[in-house]
Amino acid sequence: MSNKHEAGTQEAGTQAAGSQVAGSQTACSRTGVILAAGMGTRLAGVSDQTRCKPLIPVAGVPLIHRTIRSLELAGCHRIVMVLGYGFHEMRSEILGSGPHALPVTFVYNDKYQLSNGLSLLAARPEIEGTFVLTMADHILSDEMMKKAAAHTPPEMGATLLVDYRIDSVFDLDDATKVQTDGEYILAIGKQLSEYNAIDTGVFVCTPSLIDKIDTVYREKGDASLSEGVQALSEERLMRVLDIGDAYWQDVDTPEMLAHAETMLKKETLGEKQVTRES
C-alpha cells in the first residue's frame, strides 16, 4: 500500500520550530503522524502558488509547516507524513524549506482517493508505541498541543481531543460530531443527531486504533478514522480530552480559510474570544 521516503534531520522539518522543544526528546519519544494525502478539492484555485492544499499559506505560513510545529509542541521527536495527491510537489517543498527541527519520513498512500483511514494504515510500518495523529489542514493552538503532550491514552486504546463549545463552531454542518459520557466516546460521525462535542482532529493513540481500522478495511475495502474510533469506543477504549478554551480551526473551504486568518489575527492582537470550526 505504501512506499517510504525518508529525509534526515538536516533535510526536512519545520521552518519556525522552537529550539527548546526541538532539542529534547520526551520520555515517551512519540512519533507525530500527519495525514496529508487528500486532494483538497474544496480549496482548489484559492492559491496561485500551489495546487496542494497543505502548502496553502494561512496568514503567511503554509498549513503543513503549522502542523509540523504543532506536533513538535505535542512532544514528538519525529514526523511521519503520509502523502498522496501532489506527492512530489509536497516532498520537494518540505525538503527545500529548511532549517528543520525534526526528521520527517514521507510515506506514499496510493489509495489516497479512498477514506482517510487508509493513510494511517500506510503509515503503520513507521509507527511504534504511542503516537500523536492529526491532519495537514488544521490550525492548532499551542495550548491545545501541550495538552496532547501531557496526556497518556488508555492502554490498547486512544484519546480524541474534543471541543464542547458547540455554539462557537464556524460550520457545524461540516463538523464531525461526538457523543461522550464526559470520559469516553459513545458515538462519532458527521450525521449524528445527538452529540455534545466536536472532533478537533487531534488524537493521542496506541497502535490499537490502526488495528481497528485494518479490520474495517479488510471487511469493506475502505475505512475511515471515525470507523476505527467507533470500533474502539464499543470496547470502551476511546477516551476524550477536553481542550477547554484552546482554539483550533479546520481549513476545508475558502470561507474556512478566511475565518482561520481572521482568528489568527485576533490571537495575534491578544483577543481571547474567537470562534472555531470543525
Foldseek 3Di string as FASTA:
>chain_A
DKDKDWDDLQFFAAADADCVLLVDADPQQAEEEEEQAAQLVQAAPVDPPDSGQQQDDFLHHRLQNLVRNLQSLLRHQAYEYEYEVPVVVVSVCRRPNDDHRHIYMYMYQPVRVFASLSSVLRCVVVGAFKYKYFYSFKRFDSLQSNVNSPDDADVLAKEFEKEQPQVQAPDLLPWWFFADPQWATQAIGSPDPDGRITGQGIMTTTCSLNVQQVVVCVVPVGGYSRSSRNVCRVVVRYTYDYSPQTAMEGDRHPVSSVLSNVVVVCVVVVNSDHGYHD
